[in-house]
Amino acid sequence: MPPDPRPDWVLAQRREIGHRIARRRAALGWTVERLAGAAGVSRDSVLRAEHATRSTGLDVLLQLADALGVTVGRLLDEDPVATDAGVPQPPR
């Protein structure tokens, strides 16, 4: 069982992943509600992922990444998730 509370580096990584999700969503001009609908998850799931208030399960990350038109690897990568004017639209 993992230690409670989580190590600081885990929380920092979780926050960074949440920022990547939020930046990608903003780059697409999407609201939280639109992302939730496109991903088939609740609005609260998107907010929890973006604000890193709880650990986000792999299934939700997969659904968010798919809706955003990126791979989960891209969300986990240290490189910024496309936030410039040339952002390709997700396949929806």
C-alpha atoms as a PDB file:
ATOM      1  CA  MET A   1       0.000   0.000   0.000  1.00  0.00           C
ATOM      2  CA  PRO A   2       1.423   3.423  -0.935  1.00  0.00           C
ATOM      3  CA  PRO A   3       2.489   5.789   1.796  1.00  0.00           C
ATOM      4  CA  ASP A   4       0.027   8.411   2.904  1.00  0.00           C
ATOM      5  CA  PRO A   5       0.455  11.206   2.119  1.00  0.00           C
ATOM      6  CA  ARG A   6       2.121  10.683  -1.248  1.00  0.00           C
ATOM      7  CA  PRO A   7       5.714  11.843  -1.718  1.00  0.00           C
ATOM      8  CA  ASP A   8       6.064  15.438  -2.893  1.00  0.00           C
ATOM      9  CA  TRP A   9       7.453  14.380  -6.271  1.00  0.00           C
ATOM     10  CA  VAL A  10       4.314  12.322  -6.985  1.00  0.00           C
ATOM     11  CA  LEU A  11       2.080  15.278  -6.203  1.00  0.00           C
ATOM     12  CA  ALA A  12       4.256  17.564  -8.345  1.00  0.00           C
ATOM     13  CA  GLN A  13       4.034  15.172 -11.306  1.00  0.00           C
ATOM     14  CA  ARG A  14       0.270  14.841 -10.863  1.00  0.00           C
ATOM     15  CA  ARG A  15      -0.067  18.647 -10.923  1.00  0.00           C
ATOM     16  CA  GLU A  16       2.079  18.893 -14.062  1.00  0.00           C
ATOM     17  CA  ILE A  17      -0.031  16.299 -15.876  1.00  0.00           C
ATOM     18  CA  GLY A  18      -3.135  18.223 -14.840  1.00  0.00           C
ATOM     19  CA  HIS A  19      -1.624  21.425 -16.245  1.00  0.00           C
ATOM     20  CA  ARG A  20      -0.927  19.652 -19.544  1.00  0.00           C
ATOM     21  CA  ILE A  21      -4.535  18.509 -19.771  1.00  0.00           C
ATOM     22  CA  ALA A  22      -5.798  22.021 -19.002  1.00  0.00           C
ATOM     23  CA  ARG A  23      -3.394  23.655 -21.496  1.00  0.00           C
ATOM     24  CA  ARG A  24      -4.410  21.274 -24.261  1.00  0.00           C
ATOM     25  CA  ARG A  25      -8.103  21.847 -23.510  1.00  0.00           C
ATOM     26  CA  ALA A  26      -7.591  25.616 -23.527  1.00  0.00           C
ATOM     27  CA  ALA A  27      -5.595  25.448 -26.760  1.00  0.00           C
ATOM     28  CA  LEU A  28      -8.581  23.739 -28.365  1.00  0.00           C
ATOM     29  CA  GLY A  29     -10.890  26.420 -26.978  1.00  0.00           C
ATOM     30  CA  TRP A  30     -12.884  23.804 -25.076  1.00  0.00           C
ATOM     31  CA  THR A  31     -14.720  24.173 -21.789  1.00  0.00           C
ATOM     32  CA  VAL A  32     -14.427  21.582 -19.048  1.00  0.00           C
ATOM     33  CA  GLU A  33     -17.935  20.471 -19.951  1.00  0.00           C
ATOM     34  CA  ARG A  34     -17.043  19.969 -23.611  1.00  0.00           C
ATOM     35  CA  LEU A  35     -13.987  17.884 -22.735  1.00  0.00           C
ATOM     36  CA  ALA A  36     -16.017  15.821 -20.280  1.00  0.00           C
ATOM     37  CA  GLY A  37     -18.638  15.129 -22.937  1.00  0.00           C
ATOM     38  CA  ALA A  38     -16.081  14.283 -25.611  1.00  0.00           C
ATOM     39  CA  ALA A  39     -14.225  11.968 -23.233  1.00  0.00           C
ATOM     40  CA  GLY A  40     -17.329  10.357 -21.778  1.00  0.00           C
ATOM     41  CA  VAL A  41     -16.364  11.236 -18.228  1.00  0.00           C
ATOM     42  CA  SER A  42     -17.900  13.514 -15.623  1.00  0.00           C
ATOM     43  CA  ARG A  43     -17.125  17.203 -15.311  1.00  0.00           C
ATOM     44  CA  ASP A  44     -15.768  16.428 -11.842  1.00  0.00           C
ATOM     45  CA  SER A  45     -13.357  13.859 -13.310  1.00  0.00           C
ATOM     46  CA  VAL A  46     -11.918  16.502 -15.622  1.00  0.00           C
ATOM     47  CA  LEU A  47     -11.612  19.016 -12.782  1.00  0.00           C
ATOM     48  CA  ARG A  48      -9.954  16.443 -10.496  1.00  0.00           C
ATOM     49  CA  ALA A  49      -7.456  15.594 -13.244  1.00  0.00           C
ATOM     50  CA  GLU A  50      -6.694  19.225 -14.093  1.00  0.00           C
ATOM     51  CA  HIS A  51      -6.404  20.373 -10.479  1.00  0.00           C
ATOM     52  CA  ALA A  52      -4.691  17.173  -9.319  1.00  0.00           C
ATOM     53  CA  THR A  53      -6.936  16.920  -6.289  1.00  0.00           C
ATOM     54  CA  ARG A  54      -6.980  13.124  -6.573  1.00  0.00           C
ATOM     55  CA  SER A  55      -5.113  10.458  -8.438  1.00  0.00           C
ATOM     56  CA  THR A  56      -6.615  10.017 -11.906  1.00  0.00           C
ATOM     57  CA  GLY A  57      -7.118   6.447 -13.047  1.00  0.00           C
ATOM     58  CA  LEU A  58      -5.588   5.144 -16.243  1.00  0.00           C
ATOM     59  CA  ASP A  59      -8.972   4.674 -17.906  1.00  0.00           C
ATOM     60  CA  VAL A  60      -9.870   8.327 -17.375  1.00  0.00           C
ATOM     61  CA  LEU A  61      -6.446   9.453 -18.619  1.00  0.00           C
ATOM     62  CA  LEU A  62      -6.904   7.313 -21.731  1.00  0.00           C
ATOM     63  CA  GLN A  63     -10.335   8.809 -22.375  1.00  0.00           C
ATOM     64  CA  LEU A  64      -9.118  12.382 -21.824  1.00  0.00           C
ATOM     65  CA  ALA A  65      -6.112  11.890 -24.079  1.00  0.00           C
ATOM     66  CA  ASP A  66      -8.274  10.405 -26.825  1.00  0.00           C
ATOM     67  CA  ALA A  67     -10.764  13.270 -26.633  1.00  0.00           C
ATOM     68  CA  LEU A  68      -7.896  15.792 -26.729  1.00  0.00           C
ATOM     69  CA  GLY A  69      -6.381  14.074 -29.771  1.00  0.00           C
ATOM     70  CA  VAL A  70      -3.135  13.098 -28.060  1.00  0.00           C
ATOM     71  CA  THR A  71      -1.679   9.937 -26.601  1.00  0.00           C
ATOM     72  CA  VAL A  72      -1.424   9.330 -22.880  1.00  0.00           C
ATOM     73  CA  GLY A  73       2.324   9.346 -23.424  1.00  0.00           C
ATOM     74  CA  ARG A  74       2.049  12.911 -24.670  1.00  0.00           C
ATOM     75  CA  LEU A  75       0.236  13.940 -21.500  1.00  0.00           C
ATOM     76  CA  LEU A  76       2.904  12.248 -19.393  1.00  0.00           C
ATOM     77  CA  ASP A  77       5.824  13.614 -21.425  1.00  0.00           C
ATOM     78  CA  GLU A  78       7.861  16.533 -20.136  1.00  0.00           C
ATOM     79  CA  ASP A  79       7.533  18.361 -23.447  1.00  0.00           C
ATOM     80  CA  PRO A  80       4.674  20.827 -23.598  1.00  0.00           C
ATOM     81  CA  VAL A  81       1.460  19.538 -25.104  1.00  0.00           C
ATOM     82  CA  ALA A  82       0.772  21.507 -28.299  1.00  0.00           C
ATOM     83  CA  THR A  83      -0.520  24.857 -27.155  1.00  0.00           C
ATOM     84  CA  ASP A  84       0.465  27.015 -30.125  1.00  0.00           C
ATOM     85  CA  ALA A  85      -1.703  28.245 -32.995  1.00  0.00           C
ATOM     86  CA  GLY A  86      -0.970  25.106 -35.006  1.00  0.00           C
ATOM     87  CA  VAL A  87      -2.842  22.793 -32.662  1.00  0.00           C
ATOM     88  CA  PRO A  88      -4.449  19.988 -34.651  1.00  0.00           C
ATOM     89  CA  GLN A  89      -8.092  19.370 -33.826  1.00  0.00           C
ATOM     90  CA  PRO A  90      -8.954  16.109 -32.100  1.00  0.00           C
ATOM     91  CA  PRO A  91     -10.714  13.442 -34.148  1.00  0.00           C
ATOM     92  CA  ARG A  92     -14.260  14.309 -33.026  1.00  0.00           C
END
